[in-house]
């Protein structure tokens, strides 16, 4: 699915990109990165397509997803943080 099609599907599901990313616990920055690639991954395409189908059927997908208790993934490790060493040893 192209990124443009994805954005149209969000409109059909009546959800904004920031709210979509928050709902599925994926960073908005991560989803925006697909704009450069021109396509969204199959999983994101599947999710938004299901949201549209549920919305059109009168189902509240937001409640269903919230009940899953999804948790945002966090990066592990120090990243660019520098370790402070005690130079007196």
PDB file of N, CA and C in Angstrom:
ATOM      1  N   UNK A   1       0.853  -1.173   0.000  1.00  0.00           N
ATOM      2  CA  UNK A   1       0.000   0.000   0.000  1.00  0.00           C
ATOM      3  C   UNK A   1       0.892   1.227   0.000  1.00  0.00           C
ATOM      4  N   UNK A   2       0.574   2.179  -0.863  1.00  0.00           N
ATOM      5  CA  UNK A   2       1.359   3.406  -0.914  1.00  0.00           C
ATOM      6  C   UNK A   2       1.065   4.255   0.325  1.00  0.00           C
ATOM      7  N   UNK A   3       1.969   5.152   0.629  1.00  0.00           N
ATOM      8  CA  UNK A   3       1.776   6.021   1.779  1.00  0.00           C
ATOM      9  C   UNK A   3       0.559   6.916   1.563  1.00  0.00           C
ATOM     10  N   UNK A   4       0.336   7.340   0.338  1.00  0.00           N
ATOM     11  CA  UNK A   4      -0.831   8.171   0.012  1.00  0.00           C
ATOM     12  C   UNK A   4      -2.124   7.394   0.263  1.00  0.00           C
ATOM     13  N   UNK A   5      -2.163   6.130  -0.176  1.00  0.00           N
ATOM     14  CA  UNK A   5      -3.339   5.292   0.077  1.00  0.00           C
ATOM     15  C   UNK A   5      -3.555   5.118   1.587  1.00  0.00           C
ATOM     16  N   UNK A   6      -2.462   4.935   2.307  1.00  0.00           N
ATOM     17  CA  UNK A   6      -2.519   4.798   3.754  1.00  0.00           C
ATOM     18  C   UNK A   6      -3.169   6.025   4.390  1.00  0.00           C
ATOM     19  N   UNK A   7      -2.734   7.209   3.965  1.00  0.00           N
ATOM     20  CA  UNK A   7      -3.284   8.452   4.515  1.00  0.00           C
ATOM     21  C   UNK A   7      -4.779   8.568   4.199  1.00  0.00           C
ATOM     22  N   UNK A   8      -5.185   8.140   3.004  1.00  0.00           N
ATOM     23  CA  UNK A   8      -6.607   8.167   2.636  1.00  0.00           C
ATOM     24  C   UNK A   8      -7.405   7.214   3.511  1.00  0.00           C
ATOM     25  N   UNK A   9      -6.816   6.059   3.802  1.00  0.00           N
ATOM     26  CA  UNK A   9      -7.482   5.075   4.652  1.00  0.00           C
ATOM     27  C   UNK A   9      -7.661   5.623   6.072  1.00  0.00           C
ATOM     28  N   UNK A  10      -6.677   6.372   6.550  1.00  0.00           N
ATOM     29  CA  UNK A  10      -6.817   6.994   7.862  1.00  0.00           C
ATOM     30  C   UNK A  10      -8.027   7.921   7.882  1.00  0.00           C
ATOM     31  N   UNK A  11      -8.208   8.672   6.809  1.00  0.00           N
ATOM     32  CA  UNK A  11      -9.378   9.557   6.703  1.00  0.00           C
ATOM     33  C   UNK A  11     -10.666   8.744   6.731  1.00  0.00           C
ATOM     34  N   UNK A  12     -10.677   7.628   6.003  1.00  0.00           N
ATOM     35  CA  UNK A  12     -11.859   6.758   5.975  1.00  0.00           C
ATOM     36  C   UNK A  12     -12.171   6.178   7.353  1.00  0.00           C
ATOM     37  N   UNK A  13     -11.131   5.934   8.134  1.00  0.00           N
ATOM     38  CA  UNK A  13     -11.306   5.395   9.483  1.00  0.00           C
ATOM     39  C   UNK A  13     -11.556   6.512  10.503  1.00  0.00           C
ATOM     40  N   UNK A  14     -11.501   7.744  10.026  1.00  0.00           N
ATOM     41  CA  UNK A  14     -11.689   8.930  10.865  1.00  0.00           C
ATOM     42  C   UNK A  14     -10.719   8.967  12.043  1.00  0.00           C
ATOM     43  N   UNK A  15      -9.442   8.807  11.706  1.00  0.00           N
ATOM     44  CA  UNK A  15      -8.386   8.884  12.714  1.00  0.00           C
ATOM     45  C   UNK A  15      -7.191   9.611  12.100  1.00  0.00           C
ATOM     46  N   UNK A  16      -6.550  10.437  12.890  1.00  0.00           N
ATOM     47  CA  UNK A  16      -5.370  11.162  12.420  1.00  0.00           C
ATOM     48  C   UNK A  16      -4.135  10.268  12.556  1.00  0.00           C
ATOM     49  N   UNK A  17      -3.091  10.634  11.870  1.00  0.00           N
ATOM     50  CA  UNK A  17      -1.840   9.874  11.957  1.00  0.00           C
ATOM     51  C   UNK A  17      -1.297   9.861  13.388  1.00  0.00           C
ATOM     52  N   UNK A  18      -1.257  11.011  14.087  1.00  0.00           N
ATOM     53  CA  UNK A  18      -0.766  10.959  15.474  1.00  0.00           C
ATOM     54  C   UNK A  18      -1.610  10.049  16.367  1.00  0.00           C
ATOM     55  N   UNK A  19      -2.923  10.081  16.210  1.00  0.00           N
ATOM     56  CA  UNK A  19      -3.788   9.235  17.036  1.00  0.00           C
ATOM     57  C   UNK A  19      -3.653   7.765  16.652  1.00  0.00           C
ATOM     58  N   UNK A  20      -3.469   7.493  15.355  1.00  0.00           N
ATOM     59  CA  UNK A  20      -3.248   6.124  14.887  1.00  0.00           C
ATOM     60  C   UNK A  20      -1.978   5.561  15.504  1.00  0.00           C
ATOM     61  N   UNK A  21      -0.896   6.326  15.429  1.00  0.00           N
ATOM     62  CA  UNK A  21       0.380   5.845  15.961  1.00  0.00           C
ATOM     63  C   UNK A  21       0.300   5.639  17.470  1.00  0.00           C
ATOM     64  N   UNK A  22      -0.392   6.523  18.160  1.00  0.00           N
ATOM     65  CA  UNK A  22      -0.544   6.376  19.610  1.00  0.00           C
ATOM     66  C   UNK A  22      -1.386   5.144  19.943  1.00  0.00           C
ATOM     67  N   UNK A  23      -2.433   4.908  19.163  1.00  0.00           N
ATOM     68  CA  UNK A  23      -3.323   3.770  19.406  1.00  0.00           C
ATOM     69  C   UNK A  23      -2.612   2.436  19.244  1.00  0.00           C
ATOM     70  N   UNK A  24      -1.780   2.321  18.185  1.00  0.00           N
ATOM     71  CA  UNK A  24      -1.100   1.043  17.943  1.00  0.00           C
ATOM     72  C   UNK A  24       0.279   0.976  18.607  1.00  0.00           C
ATOM     73  N   UNK A  25       0.627   2.028  19.328  1.00  0.00           N
ATOM     74  CA  UNK A  25       1.885   2.093  20.096  1.00  0.00           C
ATOM     75  C   UNK A  25       3.129   1.995  19.213  1.00  0.00           C
ATOM     76  N   UNK A  26       3.083   2.717  18.100  1.00  0.00           N
ATOM     77  CA  UNK A  26       4.236   2.834  17.208  1.00  0.00           C
ATOM     78  C   UNK A  26       4.519   4.322  17.085  1.00  0.00           C
ATOM     79  N   UNK A  27       5.771   4.720  17.163  1.00  0.00           N
ATOM     80  CA  UNK A  27       6.076   6.145  17.137  1.00  0.00           C
ATOM     81  C   UNK A  27       5.625   6.772  15.815  1.00  0.00           C
ATOM     82  N   UNK A  28       5.137   7.993  15.943  1.00  0.00           N
ATOM     83  CA  UNK A  28       4.696   8.726  14.754  1.00  0.00           C
ATOM     84  C   UNK A  28       5.873   8.938  13.796  1.00  0.00           C
ATOM     85  N   UNK A  29       7.039   9.168  14.358  1.00  0.00           N
ATOM     86  CA  UNK A  29       8.246   9.345  13.546  1.00  0.00           C
ATOM     87  C   UNK A  29       8.518   8.105  12.699  1.00  0.00           C
ATOM     88  N   UNK A  30       8.327   6.940  13.293  1.00  0.00           N
ATOM     89  CA  UNK A  30       8.524   5.674  12.588  1.00  0.00           C
ATOM     90  C   UNK A  30       7.564   5.581  11.399  1.00  0.00           C
ATOM     91  N   UNK A  31       6.298   5.894  11.629  1.00  0.00           N
ATOM     92  CA  UNK A  31       5.314   5.808  10.555  1.00  0.00           C
ATOM     93  C   UNK A  31       5.580   6.867   9.496  1.00  0.00           C
ATOM     94  N   UNK A  32       5.968   8.063   9.905  1.00  0.00           N
ATOM     95  CA  UNK A  32       6.278   9.130   8.943  1.00  0.00           C
ATOM     96  C   UNK A  32       7.465   8.749   8.049  1.00  0.00           C
ATOM     97  N   UNK A  33       8.355   7.905   8.565  1.00  0.00           N
ATOM     98  CA  UNK A  33       9.524   7.506   7.768  1.00  0.00           C
ATOM     99  C   UNK A  33       9.119   6.732   6.515  1.00  0.00           C
ATOM    100  N   UNK A  34       7.934   6.118   6.531  1.00  0.00           N
ATOM    101  CA  UNK A  34       7.470   5.380   5.360  1.00  0.00           C
ATOM    102  C   UNK A  34       7.082   6.312   4.218  1.00  0.00           C
ATOM    103  N   UNK A  35       6.891   7.576   4.528  1.00  0.00           N
ATOM    104  CA  UNK A  35       6.555   8.557   3.491  1.00  0.00           C
ATOM    105  C   UNK A  35       7.691   8.636   2.467  1.00  0.00           C
ATOM    106  N   UNK A  36       8.928   8.626   2.944  1.00  0.00           N
ATOM    107  CA  UNK A  36      10.096   8.680   2.055  1.00  0.00           C
ATOM    108  C   UNK A  36      10.188   7.429   1.191  1.00  0.00           C
ATOM    109  N   UNK A  37       9.833   6.294   1.775  1.00  0.00           N
ATOM    110  CA  UNK A  37       9.885   5.029   1.042  1.00  0.00           C
ATOM    111  C   UNK A  37       8.737   4.909   0.053  1.00  0.00           C
ATOM    112  N   UNK A  38       7.647   5.655   0.322  1.00  0.00           N
ATOM    113  CA  UNK A  38       6.500   5.641  -0.578  1.00  0.00           C
ATOM    114  C   UNK A  38       5.490   4.561  -0.263  1.00  0.00           C
ATOM    115  N   UNK A  39       5.839   3.617   0.587  1.00  0.00           N
ATOM    116  CA  UNK A  39       4.950   2.508   0.926  1.00  0.00           C
ATOM    117  C   UNK A  39       4.996   2.244   2.421  1.00  0.00           C
ATOM    118  N   UNK A  40       3.895   1.701   2.921  1.00  0.00           N
ATOM    119  CA  UNK A  40       3.868   1.273   4.318  1.00  0.00           C
ATOM    120  C   UNK A  40       4.001  -0.245   4.355  1.00  0.00           C
ATOM    121  N   UNK A  41       4.543  -0.788   5.447  1.00  0.00           N
ATOM    122  CA  UNK A  41       4.676  -2.243   5.564  1.00  0.00           C
ATOM    123  C   UNK A  41       3.298  -2.924   5.557  1.00  0.00           C
ATOM    124  N   UNK A  42       3.295  -4.185   5.206  1.00  0.00           N
ATOM    125  CA  UNK A  42       2.049  -4.951   5.144  1.00  0.00           C
ATOM    126  C   UNK A  42       1.269  -4.904   6.454  1.00  0.00           C
ATOM    127  N   UNK A  43       1.972  -4.960   7.578  1.00  0.00           N
ATOM    128  CA  UNK A  43       1.265  -4.965   8.867  1.00  0.00           C
ATOM    129  C   UNK A  43       0.509  -3.657   9.093  1.00  0.00           C
ATOM    130  N   UNK A  44       1.130  -2.544   8.761  1.00  0.00           N
ATOM    131  CA  UNK A  44       0.471  -1.240   8.920  1.00  0.00           C
ATOM    132  C   UNK A  44      -0.704  -1.135   7.952  1.00  0.00           C
ATOM    133  N   UNK A  45      -0.514  -1.602   6.723  1.00  0.00           N
ATOM    134  CA  UNK A  45      -1.595  -1.595   5.732  1.00  0.00           C
ATOM    135  C   UNK A  45      -2.768  -2.454   6.204  1.00  0.00           C
ATOM    136  N   UNK A  46      -2.466  -3.599   6.782  1.00  0.00           N
ATOM    137  CA  UNK A  46      -3.512  -4.495   7.279  1.00  0.00           C
ATOM    138  C   UNK A  46      -4.277  -3.849   8.422  1.00  0.00           C
ATOM    139  N   UNK A  47      -3.556  -3.246   9.340  1.00  0.00           N
ATOM    140  CA  UNK A  47      -4.194  -2.603  10.489  1.00  0.00           C
ATOM    141  C   UNK A  47      -5.143  -1.505  10.040  1.00  0.00           C
ATOM    142  N   UNK A  48      -4.673  -0.600   9.184  1.00  0.00           N
ATOM    143  CA  UNK A  48      -5.529   0.517   8.776  1.00  0.00           C
ATOM    144  C   UNK A  48      -6.724   0.030   7.963  1.00  0.00           C
ATOM    145  N   UNK A  49      -6.543  -1.010   7.160  1.00  0.00           N
ATOM    146  CA  UNK A  49      -7.651  -1.573   6.387  1.00  0.00           C
ATOM    147  C   UNK A  49      -8.708  -2.167   7.318  1.00  0.00           C
ATOM    148  N   UNK A  50      -8.272  -2.861   8.352  1.00  0.00           N
ATOM    149  CA  UNK A  50      -9.207  -3.414   9.335  1.00  0.00           C
ATOM    150  C   UNK A  50      -9.925  -2.304  10.090  1.00  0.00           C
ATOM    151  N   UNK A  51      -9.210  -1.229  10.419  1.00  0.00           N
ATOM    152  CA  UNK A  51      -9.837  -0.093  11.103  1.00  0.00           C
ATOM    153  C   UNK A  51     -10.951   0.493  10.242  1.00  0.00           C
ATOM    154  N   UNK A  52     -10.698   0.635   8.944  1.00  0.00           N
ATOM    155  CA  UNK A  52     -11.715   1.172   8.035  1.00  0.00           C
ATOM    156  C   UNK A  52     -12.928   0.250   7.997  1.00  0.00           C
ATOM    157  N   UNK A  53     -12.691  -1.056   7.839  1.00  0.00           N
ATOM    158  CA  UNK A  53     -13.793  -2.024   7.773  1.00  0.00           C
ATOM    159  C   UNK A  53     -14.612  -2.015   9.065  1.00  0.00           C
ATOM    160  N   UNK A  54     -13.928  -1.951  10.201  1.00  0.00           N
ATOM    161  CA  UNK A  54     -14.625  -1.921  11.476  1.00  0.00           C
ATOM    162  C   UNK A  54     -15.437  -0.637  11.615  1.00  0.00           C
ATOM    163  N   UNK A  55     -14.841   0.481  11.230  1.00  0.00           N
ATOM    164  CA  UNK A  55     -15.519   1.779  11.313  1.00  0.00           C
ATOM    165  C   UNK A  55     -16.767   1.784  10.432  1.00  0.00           C
ATOM    166  N   UNK A  56     -16.637   1.272   9.223  1.00  0.00           N
ATOM    167  CA  UNK A  56     -17.764   1.234   8.294  1.00  0.00           C
ATOM    168  C   UNK A  56     -18.864   0.294   8.768  1.00  0.00           C
ATOM    169  N   UNK A  57     -18.500  -0.683   9.605  1.00  0.00           N
ATOM    170  CA  UNK A  57     -19.479  -1.622  10.157  1.00  0.00           C
ATOM    171  C   UNK A  57     -20.073  -1.139  11.475  1.00  0.00           C
ATOM    172  N   UNK A  58     -19.631   0.037  11.901  1.00  0.00           N
ATOM    173  CA  UNK A  58     -20.149   0.598  13.142  1.00  0.00           C
ATOM    174  C   UNK A  58     -19.481   0.079  14.398  1.00  0.00           C
ATOM    175  N   UNK A  59     -18.342  -0.575  14.235  1.00  0.00           N
ATOM    176  CA  UNK A  59     -17.599  -1.084  15.388  1.00  0.00           C
ATOM    177  C   UNK A  59     -16.573  -0.050  15.854  1.00  0.00           C
ATOM    178  N   UNK A  60     -16.407   0.065  17.144  1.00  0.00           N
ATOM    179  CA  UNK A  60     -15.450   1.007  17.702  1.00  0.00           C
ATOM    180  C   UNK A  60     -14.085   0.326  17.838  1.00  0.00           C
ATOM    181  N   UNK A  61     -13.264   0.457  16.810  1.00  0.00           N
ATOM    182  CA  UNK A  61     -11.955  -0.206  16.814  1.00  0.00           C
ATOM    183  C   UNK A  61     -11.055   0.343  17.910  1.00  0.00           C
ATOM    184  N   UNK A  62     -11.251   1.589  18.307  1.00  0.00           N
ATOM    185  CA  UNK A  62     -10.400   2.184  19.342  1.00  0.00           C
ATOM    186  C   UNK A  62     -10.520   1.402  20.657  1.00  0.00           C
ATOM    187  N   UNK A  63     -11.750   1.091  21.038  1.00  0.00           N
ATOM    188  CA  UNK A  63     -11.984   0.335  22.270  1.00  0.00           C
ATOM    189  C   UNK A  63     -11.374  -1.062  22.168  1.00  0.00           C
ATOM    190  N   UNK A  64     -11.568  -1.702  21.033  1.00  0.00           N
ATOM    191  CA  UNK A  64     -11.027  -3.056  20.826  1.00  0.00           C
ATOM    192  C   UNK A  64      -9.506  -3.047  20.978  1.00  0.00           C
ATOM    193  N   UNK A  65      -8.850  -2.082  20.350  1.00  0.00           N
ATOM    194  CA  UNK A  65      -7.384  -2.011  20.405  1.00  0.00           C
ATOM    195  C   UNK A  65      -6.915  -1.639  21.814  1.00  0.00           C
ATOM    196  N   UNK A  66      -7.586  -0.700  22.443  1.00  0.00           N
ATOM    197  CA  UNK A  66      -7.197  -0.315  23.808  1.00  0.00           C
ATOM    198  C   UNK A  66      -7.296  -1.485  24.776  1.00  0.00           C
ATOM    199  N   UNK A  67      -8.268  -2.365  24.562  1.00  0.00           N
ATOM    200  CA  UNK A  67      -8.437  -3.528  25.435  1.00  0.00           C
ATOM    201  C   UNK A  67      -7.296  -4.534  25.301  1.00  0.00           C
ATOM    202  N   UNK A  68      -6.516  -4.426  24.237  1.00  0.00           N
ATOM    203  CA  UNK A  68      -5.378  -5.330  24.066  1.00  0.00           C
ATOM    204  C   UNK A  68      -4.255  -5.028  25.052  1.00  0.00           C
ATOM    205  N   UNK A  69      -4.240  -3.811  25.575  1.00  0.00           N
ATOM    206  CA  UNK A  69      -3.188  -3.439  26.522  1.00  0.00           C
ATOM    207  C   UNK A  69      -1.811  -3.390  25.880  1.00  0.00           C
ATOM    208  N   UNK A  70      -1.747  -2.909  24.649  1.00  0.00           N
ATOM    209  CA  UNK A  70      -0.464  -2.829  23.948  1.00  0.00           C
ATOM    210  C   UNK A  70       0.493  -1.909  24.692  1.00  0.00           C
ATOM    211  N   UNK A  71       1.769  -2.214  24.596  1.00  0.00           N
ATOM    212  CA  UNK A  71       2.797  -1.374  25.199  1.00  0.00           C
ATOM    213  C   UNK A  71       3.776  -0.943  24.126  1.00  0.00           C
ATOM    214  N   UNK A  72       4.190   0.305  24.208  1.00  0.00           N
ATOM    215  CA  UNK A  72       5.170   0.823  23.260  1.00  0.00           C
ATOM    216  C   UNK A  72       6.509   0.148  23.497  1.00  0.00           C
ATOM    217  N   UNK A  73       7.187  -0.163  22.425  1.00  0.00           N
ATOM    218  CA  UNK A  73       8.523  -0.750  22.529  1.00  0.00           C
ATOM    219  C   UNK A  73       9.510   0.366  22.829  1.00  0.00           C
ATOM    220  N   UNK A  74      10.450   0.086  23.701  1.00  0.00           N
ATOM    221  CA  UNK A  74      11.481   1.071  24.018  1.00  0.00           C
ATOM    222  C   UNK A  74      12.830   0.502  23.633  1.00  0.00           C
ATOM    223  N   UNK A  75      13.687   1.392  23.205  1.00  0.00           N
ATOM    224  CA  UNK A  75      15.030   0.961  22.843  1.00  0.00           C
ATOM    225  C   UNK A  75      15.819   0.695  24.105  1.00  0.00           C
ATOM    226  N   UNK A  76      16.559  -0.394  24.070  1.00  0.00           N
ATOM    227  CA  UNK A  76      17.386  -0.739  25.219  1.00  0.00           C
ATOM    228  C   UNK A  76      18.822  -0.348  24.920  1.00  0.00           C
ATOM    229  N   UNK A  77      19.557  -0.044  25.956  1.00  0.00           N
ATOM    230  CA  UNK A  77      20.955   0.317  25.779  1.00  0.00           C
ATOM    231  C   UNK A  77      21.167   1.783  26.075  1.00  0.00           C
ATOM    232  N   UNK A  78      22.415   2.176  26.047  1.00  0.00           N
ATOM    233  CA  UNK A  78      22.774   3.534  26.436  1.00  0.00           C
ATOM    234  C   UNK A  78      22.662   4.524  25.292  1.00  0.00           C
ATOM    235  N   UNK A  79      22.635   4.052  24.075  1.00  0.00           N
ATOM    236  CA  UNK A  79      22.577   4.988  22.956  1.00  0.00           C
ATOM    237  C   UNK A  79      23.838   5.811  22.888  1.00  0.00           C
ATOM    238  N   UNK A  80      23.654   7.123  22.865  1.00  0.00           N
ATOM    239  CA  UNK A  80      24.804   8.024  22.785  1.00  0.00           C
ATOM    240  C   UNK A  80      25.253   8.521  24.156  1.00  0.00           C
ATOM    241  N   UNK A  81      24.612   8.056  25.188  1.00  0.00           N
ATOM    242  CA  UNK A  81      24.971   8.503  26.534  1.00  0.00           C
ATOM    243  C   UNK A  81      26.385   8.033  26.874  1.00  0.00           C
ATOM    244  N   UNK A  82      27.122   8.924  27.511  1.00  0.00           N
ATOM    245  CA  UNK A  82      28.483   8.571  27.913  1.00  0.00           C
ATOM    246  C   UNK A  82      28.464   8.061  29.340  1.00  0.00           C
ATOM    247  N   UNK A  83      29.289   7.059  29.578  1.00  0.00           N
ATOM    248  CA  UNK A  83      29.420   6.543  30.929  1.00  0.00           C
ATOM    249  C   UNK A  83      30.329   7.477  31.716  1.00  0.00           C
ATOM    250  N   UNK A  84      29.912   7.752  32.921  1.00  0.00           N
ATOM    251  CA  UNK A  84      30.746   8.592  33.804  1.00  0.00           C
ATOM    252  C   UNK A  84      31.629   7.653  34.610  1.00  0.00           C
ATOM    253  N   UNK A  85      32.915   7.889  34.559  1.00  0.00           N
ATOM    254  CA  UNK A  85      33.847   7.051  35.322  1.00  0.00           C
ATOM    255  C   UNK A  85      34.459   7.854  36.437  1.00  0.00           C
ATOM    256  N   UNK A  86      34.763   7.183  37.479  1.00  0.00           N
ATOM    257  CA  UNK A  86      35.416   7.817  38.625  1.00  0.00           C
ATOM    258  C   UNK A  86      36.912   7.757  38.390  1.00  0.00           C
ATOM    259  N   UNK A  87      37.525   8.898  38.132  1.00  0.00           N
ATOM    260  CA  UNK A  87      38.949   8.933  37.780  1.00  0.00           C
ATOM    261  C   UNK A  87      39.853   8.837  39.010  1.00  0.00           C
ATOM    262  N   UNK A  88      39.255   8.806  40.200  1.00  0.00           N
ATOM    263  CA  UNK A  88      40.091   8.746  41.398  1.00  0.00           C
ATOM    264  C   UNK A  88      40.523   7.329  41.737  1.00  0.00           C
ATOM    265  N   UNK A  89      40.066   6.345  40.971  1.00  0.00           N
ATOM    266  CA  UNK A  89      40.420   4.960  41.281  1.00  0.00           C
ATOM    267  C   UNK A  89      41.693   4.563  40.619  1.00  0.00           C
TER     268      UNK A  89
END
